[in-house]
N, C-alpha and C. Protein backbone atom coordinates (compact mmCIF):
# COMPACT_ATOMS: atom_id res chain seq x y z
N MET A 1 0.68 -1.31 0.22
CA MET A 1 0.00 -0.02 0.22
C MET A 1 0.80 0.84 0.05
N SER A 2 0.77 2.21 -0.86
CA SER A 2 1.38 3.47 -1.02
C SER A 2 0.91 4.25 0.24
N ASP A 3 1.95 5.24 0.58
CA ASP A 3 1.84 6.15 1.51
C ASP A 3 0.51 7.00 1.35
N GLN A 4 0.30 7.59 -0.21
CA GLN A 4 -0.87 8.28 -0.32
C GLN A 4 -1.87 7.70 -0.22
N THR A 5 -2.21 6.09 -0.47
CA THR A 5 -3.37 5.44 -0.17
C THR A 5 -3.55 5.41 1.27
N TYR A 6 -2.58 5.17 1.74
CA TYR A 6 -2.97 5.16 3.27
C TYR A 6 -2.80 6.44 4.30
N ASP A 7 -2.33 7.60 3.37
CA ASP A 7 -2.94 8.88 4.23
C ASP A 7 -4.35 9.07 3.78
N GLU A 8 -4.79 8.67 2.61
CA GLU A 8 -6.43 9.01 2.06
C GLU A 8 -7.03 8.06 2.95
N ILE A 9 -6.62 6.88 3.29
CA ILE A 9 -7.96 5.71 4.01
C ILE A 9 -7.58 6.95 5.40
N LEU A 10 -6.75 7.29 6.19
CA LEU A 10 -6.71 7.88 7.27
C LEU A 10 -7.37 9.23 7.24
N THR A 11 -7.47 9.87 6.22
CA THR A 11 -8.23 10.90 5.94
C THR A 11 -9.73 10.83 5.68
N GLN A 12 -10.02 9.46 5.45
CA GLN A 12 -11.57 9.45 5.41
C GLN A 12 -12.25 8.87 6.58
N LEU A 13 -11.09 8.20 7.10
CA LEU A 13 -11.61 7.65 8.81
C LEU A 13 -11.83 8.63 9.47
N LYS A 14 -11.33 10.13 9.59
CA LYS A 14 -11.09 11.25 10.19
C LYS A 14 -12.52 11.72 10.11
N THR A 15 -12.73 11.80 8.74
CA THR A 15 -13.93 12.17 8.46
C THR A 15 -15.56 11.74 8.61
N LEU A 16 -14.72 10.27 8.57
CA LEU A 16 -16.24 9.56 8.78
C LEU A 16 -16.32 9.41 10.53
N ASN A 17 -15.33 9.88 11.35
CA ASN A 17 -15.62 9.78 12.64
C ASN A 17 -16.35 11.05 13.12
N GLU A 18 -15.84 12.06 12.40
CA GLU A 18 -16.51 13.21 12.62
C GLU A 18 -17.76 13.22 12.44
N LYS A 19 -18.13 12.70 11.05
CA LYS A 19 -19.43 12.35 10.48
C LYS A 19 -20.64 11.49 12.07
N ILE A 20 -19.92 10.42 12.41
CA ILE A 20 -20.33 9.63 13.30
C ILE A 20 -20.98 10.80 14.47
N ALA A 21 -20.02 11.34 15.16
CA ALA A 21 -20.11 12.06 16.16
C ALA A 21 -20.93 13.34 16.06
N HIS A 22 -21.39 13.87 14.85
CA HIS A 22 -22.28 14.76 14.70
C HIS A 22 -23.12 13.82 14.55
N LEU A 23 -23.59 12.72 14.16
CA LEU A 23 -25.34 11.85 13.74
C LEU A 23 -25.48 11.78 15.60
N GLU A 24 -24.47 11.07 16.29
CA GLU A 24 -24.62 11.10 17.93
C GLU A 24 -25.17 12.04 18.62
N ASP A 25 -24.57 13.58 18.20
CA ASP A 25 -24.96 14.53 18.77
C ASP A 25 -26.48 14.67 17.97
N MET A 26 -26.80 14.46 16.98
CA MET A 26 -28.37 14.60 16.51
C MET A 26 -28.99 13.70 17.66
N PHE A 27 -28.58 12.37 17.33
CA PHE A 27 -29.81 11.48 18.03
C PHE A 27 -29.91 11.72 19.47
N LEU A 28 -29.26 12.23 20.30
CA LEU A 28 -29.46 12.82 21.45
C LEU A 28 -31.00 13.48 21.60
N LEU A 29 -31.03 14.31 20.32
CA LEU A 29 -32.19 15.38 20.10
C LEU A 29 -33.45 14.55 19.74
N VAL A 30 -33.25 13.43 19.33
CA VAL A 30 -34.37 12.65 18.50
C VAL A 30 -35.94 13.09 18.91
N PRO A 31 -36.11 12.86 20.49
CA PRO A 31 -37.36 12.87 20.61
C PRO A 31 -38.02 14.40 20.37
N ASP A 32 -37.40 15.13 20.44
CA ASP A 32 -38.02 16.65 19.94
C ASP A 32 -36.90 17.85 19.80
N LEU A 33 -36.49 17.16 18.45
CA LEU A 33 -35.15 17.77 17.85
C LEU A 33 -35.61 19.65 18.43
N TYR A 34 -36.37 20.18 18.09
CA TYR A 34 -36.37 21.54 18.22
C TYR A 34 -36.13 22.24 19.88
N ARG A 35 -36.87 20.96 20.64
CA ARG A 35 -36.81 21.70 22.28
C ARG A 35 -35.43 21.76 22.37
N TYR A 36 -34.62 21.07 22.26
CA TYR A 36 -33.64 20.68 22.95
C TYR A 36 -32.15 21.86 22.22
N GLN A 37 -32.57 22.03 21.01
CA GLN A 37 -31.62 22.91 20.48
C GLN A 37 -30.62 24.07 20.86
N LYS A 38 -31.24 24.79 21.40
CA LYS A 38 -30.77 26.20 22.11
C LYS A 38 -29.82 25.50 23.47
N LEU A 39 -30.70 24.30 23.86
CA LEU A 39 -29.84 23.89 25.44
C LEU A 39 -28.29 23.48 24.66
N GLN A 40 -28.62 22.54 23.79
CA GLN A 40 -27.30 22.19 23.09
C GLN A 40 -26.47 22.95 22.60
N LYS A 41 -26.69 23.87 21.99
CA LYS A 41 -26.10 25.23 21.87
C LYS A 41 -25.44 25.58 23.05
N CYS A 42 -25.89 26.19 23.90
CA CYS A 42 -25.33 26.57 25.36
C CYS A 42 -24.20 25.99 25.89
N LEU A 43 -24.83 24.46 25.98
CA LEU A 43 -23.57 23.44 26.34
C LEU A 43 -22.71 23.73 25.38
N ILE A 44 -22.84 23.34 24.20
CA ILE A 44 -21.36 23.34 23.12
C ILE A 44 -20.64 24.32 23.43
N GLU A 45 -20.98 25.50 23.46
CA GLU A 45 -20.15 26.91 23.70
C GLU A 45 -19.75 27.18 25.20
N GLY A 46 -20.15 25.70 25.86
CA GLY A 46 -19.79 25.88 27.82
C GLY A 46 -20.36 27.31 28.49
N ASP A 47 -21.62 27.84 27.68
CA ASP A 47 -22.25 28.74 28.81
C ASP A 47 -22.76 28.06 29.85
N TRP A 48 -22.59 27.75 30.69
CA TRP A 48 -23.46 26.87 31.89
C TRP A 48 -24.37 27.56 32.46
N PHE A 49 -24.35 29.14 32.61
CA PHE A 49 -25.33 29.76 32.94
C PHE A 49 -26.48 29.94 32.29
N GLU A 50 -26.22 29.99 30.88
CA GLU A 50 -27.50 29.70 29.88
C GLU A 50 -27.80 28.93 29.36
N ALA A 51 -26.97 27.97 29.75
CA ALA A 51 -27.53 26.30 29.52
C ALA A 51 -28.68 25.94 30.74
N ASP A 52 -28.29 26.49 31.96
CA ASP A 52 -29.13 26.27 33.09
C ASP A 52 -30.68 26.95 32.89
N LEU A 53 -30.38 28.04 32.37
CA LEU A 53 -31.59 28.78 32.50
C LEU A 53 -32.76 28.29 31.19
N GLU A 54 -31.91 27.22 30.30
CA GLU A 54 -32.37 26.90 28.89
C GLU A 54 -32.97 25.62 29.37
N THR A 55 -32.36 24.88 30.23
CA THR A 55 -32.82 23.83 31.01
C THR A 55 -34.11 24.05 31.65
N ILE A 56 -34.23 24.91 32.48
CA ILE A 56 -35.23 25.46 33.45
C ILE A 56 -36.27 25.70 32.25
N LYS A 57 -36.40 26.41 30.79
CA LYS A 57 -37.39 26.67 30.42
C LYS A 57 -37.85 25.41 29.36
N VAL A 58 -37.18 24.63 29.39
CA VAL A 58 -37.73 23.21 28.81
C VAL A 58 -38.66 22.40 29.84
N ILE A 59 -38.21 22.17 31.05
CA ILE A 59 -38.57 21.65 32.20
C ILE A 59 -39.96 22.53 32.28
N LEU A 60 -40.02 23.82 32.09
CA LEU A 60 -41.24 24.52 32.61
C LEU A 60 -42.26 24.60 31.19
N ALA A 61 -41.61 23.86 30.20
CA ALA A 61 -42.36 23.78 28.57
C ALA A 61 -42.97 22.41 28.49
N VAL A 62 -42.39 21.71 29.45
CA VAL A 62 -43.22 20.21 29.26
C VAL A 62 -44.01 20.11 30.30
N THR A 63 -43.66 20.49 31.62
CA THR A 63 -44.62 20.45 32.61
C THR A 63 -45.93 21.21 32.39
N GLY A 64 -45.31 22.43 31.71
CA GLY A 64 -46.83 23.45 31.48
C GLY A 64 -46.96 24.23 32.76
N LYS A 65 -46.22 24.44 33.34
CA LYS A 65 -46.25 25.49 35.05
C LYS A 65 -45.18 26.29 34.37
N GLU A 66 -45.47 27.60 35.13
CA GLU A 66 -44.57 28.53 35.78
C GLU A 66 -43.70 28.39 36.66
N GLN A 67 -42.32 29.09 36.61
CA GLN A 67 -41.54 28.40 37.57
C GLN A 67 -41.85 28.50 38.90
N ASP A 68 -42.57 29.54 39.44
CA ASP A 68 -43.17 29.82 40.87
C ASP A 68 -44.20 28.56 41.18
N ASN A 69 -44.81 27.92 40.14
CA ASN A 69 -45.96 26.99 40.51
C ASN A 69 -45.51 25.45 40.56
N LEU A 70 -44.01 25.38 39.95
CA LEU A 70 -43.42 24.07 40.07
C LEU A 70 -42.79 23.77 41.39
N ARG A 71 -43.58 22.30 42.02
CA ARG A 71 -43.22 21.79 43.09
C ARG A 71 -42.46 20.46 43.00
N PRO A 72 -41.60 19.77 43.96
CA PRO A 72 -41.11 18.53 44.18
C PRO A 72 -41.98 17.57 43.64
N GLU A 73 -43.30 17.61 43.68
CA GLU A 73 -44.17 16.62 43.20
C GLU A 73 -44.51 16.63 41.75
N ASP A 74 -44.33 17.68 41.24
CA ASP A 74 -44.36 17.67 39.63
C ASP A 74 -43.14 16.79 38.92
N ILE A 75 -42.34 16.66 39.52
CA ILE A 75 -40.82 16.12 39.32
C ILE A 75 -41.43 14.39 39.00
N LEU A 76 -42.36 14.18 40.11
CA LEU A 76 -42.62 12.63 40.44
C LEU A 76 -43.31 11.96 38.69
N SER A 77 -43.61 12.98 38.10
CA SER A 77 -44.72 12.54 37.16
C SER A 77 -44.12 13.38 35.55
N PHE A 78 -42.84 13.68 35.85
CA PHE A 78 -42.01 14.24 34.80
C PHE A 78 -41.44 13.41 33.86
N PRO A 79 -41.75 13.36 32.65
CA PRO A 79 -41.32 12.37 31.47
C PRO A 79 -39.84 12.05 31.47
N LEU A 80 -39.55 10.83 31.97
CA LEU A 80 -38.25 10.22 32.07
C LEU A 80 -37.41 10.46 30.72
N ASP A 81 -37.97 10.16 29.44
CA ASP A 81 -37.13 10.13 28.34
C ASP A 81 -36.56 12.13 27.88
N VAL A 82 -37.43 12.77 28.47
CA VAL A 82 -37.08 13.98 28.74
C VAL A 82 -35.90 14.63 29.83
N LEU A 83 -36.12 14.24 30.93
CA LEU A 83 -34.99 14.15 31.99
C LEU A 83 -33.82 13.07 31.26
N LYS A 84 -33.97 12.07 30.50
CA LYS A 84 -32.69 11.61 30.05
C LYS A 84 -31.73 12.29 28.91
N VAL A 85 -32.82 13.08 28.09
CA VAL A 85 -32.10 13.57 27.14
C VAL A 85 -31.61 14.89 27.94
N ILE A 86 -31.88 15.77 28.34
CA ILE A 86 -31.17 16.78 29.09
C ILE A 86 -29.95 16.36 29.98
N ASP A 87 -29.80 15.16 30.74
CA ASP A 87 -29.10 14.82 31.56
C ASP A 87 -27.93 14.48 30.19
N GLN A 88 -28.16 13.73 29.35
CA GLN A 88 -27.08 13.19 28.21
C GLN A 88 -26.46 14.25 27.75
N LEU A 89 -27.09 15.75 27.41
CA LEU A 89 -26.37 16.86 27.05
C LEU A 89 -25.44 17.11 27.93
N TRP A 90 -26.42 17.51 28.92
CA TRP A 90 -25.23 17.84 30.18
C TRP A 90 -23.80 17.36 30.45
N LEU A 91 -24.32 15.90 30.41
CA LEU A 91 -22.97 15.12 30.65
C LEU A 91 -22.26 15.02 29.18
N LYS A 92 -22.61 15.02 28.48
CA LYS A 92 -21.57 14.94 27.36
C LYS A 92 -20.88 16.27 26.99
N TYR A 93 -21.50 17.47 27.24
CA TYR A 93 -20.93 18.79 26.99
C TYR A 93 -20.33 19.22 27.99
N SER A 94 -20.20 18.72 29.22
CA SER A 94 -19.28 19.06 30.43
C SER A 94 -18.28 18.36 30.63
N LYS A 95 -18.32 17.50 29.95
CA LYS A 95 -17.12 16.15 29.87
C LYS A 95 -17.61 15.51 31.43
N ASN A 96 -18.59 15.11 31.72
CA ASN A 96 -19.21 14.40 32.89
C ASN A 96 -18.78 15.00 33.92
N ARG A 97 -18.91 16.47 34.36
CA ARG A 97 -18.89 17.47 35.22
C ARG A 97 -20.59 17.89 35.72
N PHE A 98 -21.62 18.13 35.01
CA PHE A 98 -22.48 18.16 35.59
C PHE A 98 -23.52 17.55 34.97
N GLY A 99 -24.91 17.38 35.77
CA GLY A 99 -26.00 16.25 34.88
C GLY A 99 -26.75 16.18 35.79
N PHE A 100 -27.91 15.62 35.61
CA PHE A 100 -28.79 15.53 36.69
C PHE A 100 -28.49 13.91 37.50
N SER A 101 -28.23 12.96 36.55
CA SER A 101 -27.67 11.86 37.41
C SER A 101 -26.62 12.10 38.12
N LEU A 102 -25.38 12.92 37.85
CA LEU A 102 -24.61 13.30 39.12
C LEU A 102 -25.17 14.04 40.30
N GLN A 103 -26.05 14.96 39.92
CA GLN A 103 -26.69 15.36 41.15
C GLN A 103 -27.42 14.58 42.20
N LEU A 104 -27.79 13.65 41.46
CA LEU A 104 -28.78 12.61 42.07
C LEU A 104 -27.93 11.74 42.83
N LYS A 105 -26.63 11.44 42.24
CA LYS A 105 -25.94 10.38 43.29
C LYS A 105 -25.29 11.27 44.45
N ALA A 106 -25.11 12.61 44.30
CA ALA A 106 -24.56 13.12 45.43
C ALA A 106 -25.42 13.40 46.34
N TYR A 107 -26.85 13.90 45.89
CA TYR A 107 -28.16 14.23 46.98
C TYR A 107 -27.90 12.90 47.56
N GLN A 108 -28.10 11.70 47.05
CA GLN A 108 -28.18 10.00 47.84
C GLN A 108 -26.96 9.76 48.36
N LYS A 109 -26.17 10.19 48.05
CA LYS A 109 -24.80 10.00 49.21
C LYS A 109 -25.08 10.59 50.52
N LEU A 110 -25.76 11.82 50.23
CA LEU A 110 -25.60 12.56 51.37
C LEU A 110 -26.96 12.00 52.20
N GLY A 111 -27.73 11.27 52.05
CA GLY A 111 -28.75 10.65 52.46
C GLY A 111 -29.96 11.49 52.04
N GLY A 112 -30.15 11.92 51.08
CA GLY A 112 -31.47 12.53 50.23
C GLY A 112 -32.21 11.26 49.58
N ASN A 113 -33.51 11.30 50.16
CA ASN A 113 -34.26 10.78 48.91
C ASN A 113 -35.76 11.77 48.86
N LYS A 114 -36.37 10.70 48.45
CA LYS A 114 -38.21 11.30 47.65
C LYS A 114 -38.48 12.22 49.23
N SER A 115 -38.39 11.61 50.19
CA SER A 115 -39.24 12.43 50.86
C SER A 115 -38.56 13.57 51.92
N THR A 116 -36.84 13.62 51.54
CA THR A 116 -36.54 14.82 52.17
C THR A 116 -36.36 16.06 51.18
N THR A 117 -36.74 15.38 49.95
CA THR A 117 -36.94 16.64 48.49
C THR A 117 -38.24 17.02 48.86
N ILE A 118 -39.30 16.32 48.96
CA ILE A 118 -40.58 16.88 48.94
C ILE A 118 -40.91 17.85 50.40
N SER A 119 -40.00 17.45 51.72
CA SER A 119 -40.07 18.34 53.02
C SER A 119 -39.39 19.25 52.91
N HIS A 120 -37.99 19.56 51.55
CA HIS A 120 -37.26 20.77 51.63
C HIS A 120 -36.59 20.81 52.89
N ASP A 121 -35.67 19.69 53.10
CA ASP A 121 -34.85 19.65 54.14
C ASP A 121 -33.63 20.55 54.06
N ARG A 122 -33.91 21.39 54.63
CA ARG A 122 -32.79 22.97 54.46
C ARG A 122 -31.18 22.47 54.44
N LYS A 123 -31.39 21.74 55.63
CA LYS A 123 -29.65 21.31 55.93
C LYS A 123 -29.17 20.41 54.98
N LEU A 124 -30.09 19.04 54.67
CA LEU A 124 -29.58 18.60 53.26
C LEU A 124 -29.04 19.36 52.06
N LEU A 125 -30.16 20.40 52.14
CA LEU A 125 -30.28 20.86 50.48
C LEU A 125 -28.76 21.88 50.46
N GLU A 126 -28.55 22.22 51.50
CA GLU A 126 -27.43 23.13 51.93
C GLU A 126 -25.92 22.45 51.87
N GLN A 127 -25.95 21.10 52.62
CA GLN A 127 -24.92 20.16 52.26
C GLN A 127 -24.50 20.06 50.49
N TRP A 128 -25.44 19.72 50.10
CA TRP A 128 -25.67 18.84 48.82
C TRP A 128 -25.06 20.43 47.55
N GLY A 129 -25.86 21.74 48.28
CA GLY A 129 -25.20 22.49 47.46
C GLY A 129 -23.86 23.04 47.60
N GLU A 130 -23.32 22.56 48.85
CA GLU A 130 -21.62 22.96 49.15
C GLU A 130 -20.81 21.66 48.25
N GLN A 131 -21.16 20.34 48.55
CA GLN A 131 -20.93 19.59 47.69
C GLN A 131 -20.71 19.38 46.16
N LEU A 132 -21.89 20.28 45.46
CA LEU A 132 -21.74 20.30 43.80
C LEU A 132 -21.05 21.56 43.63
N GLY A 133 -21.09 22.68 44.63
CA GLY A 133 -20.00 23.60 44.43
C GLY A 133 -21.14 24.80 44.34
N TRP A 134 -22.53 24.86 44.65
CA TRP A 134 -23.39 25.90 44.50
C TRP A 134 -23.32 27.05 45.65
N ARG A 135 -22.81 26.17 46.46
CA ARG A 135 -22.60 26.95 47.76
C ARG A 135 -21.29 26.88 48.35
N GLN A 136 -20.68 28.36 49.10
CA GLN A 136 -19.64 28.55 49.77
C GLN A 136 -19.54 29.06 50.57
N LYS A 137 -18.90 28.98 52.13
CA LYS A 137 -19.24 29.41 53.25
C LYS A 137 -20.61 29.88 53.55
N ASP A 138 -21.60 29.03 53.51
CA ASP A 138 -23.10 28.93 53.78
C ASP A 138 -23.67 30.28 52.94
N GLN A 139 -23.03 30.55 51.48
CA GLN A 139 -23.71 31.23 50.85
C GLN A 139 -23.84 30.79 49.11
N CYS A 140 -24.81 31.41 48.57
CA CYS A 140 -24.85 30.61 47.25
C CYS A 140 -23.78 31.01 46.45
N VAL A 141 -23.26 30.66 45.66
CA VAL A 141 -22.17 30.92 44.80
C VAL A 141 -22.88 31.96 43.72
N ASN A 142 -22.48 33.08 43.16
CA ASN A 142 -22.98 33.96 42.24
C ASN A 142 -22.29 33.37 40.84
N VAL A 143 -23.05 32.72 39.91
CA VAL A 143 -22.54 32.28 38.42
C VAL A 143 -22.29 33.14 37.83
N MET A 144 -22.48 33.89 37.87
CA MET A 144 -22.23 35.37 37.07
C MET A 144 -20.37 35.79 37.19
N ASN A 145 -19.96 35.36 38.09
CA ASN A 145 -18.86 35.94 38.42
C ASN A 145 -17.98 34.86 37.80
């Protein structure tokens, strides 16, 4: 095999890998392609603040509720396929630093469960926030800084 043929094959493989990665990205969005596009864009850009706001918008759109009216009980009936897509997007683009599944593991490790969520166990929520980096020295972290 000549060097030119070998180089051509390597180039084709690289192009193929890029196309497969793009298809994988698009398949994450299959359940509702348009619903997740803005969230995906924010995550690709590493704009975690905007991605967080967009995540909230998606959740509210799915539940049909306003943010002030959303309760922990509402999450019990939240569609799992939507949660999974959001979680997978966050995990993929944050390189496994952020995502609902990671938050859930941290919450459960601290002793959190369905009843502590519904009862708003403040101490547990504060510990959880500290562990996730959302709180420091008993204060919420300002993500805009």
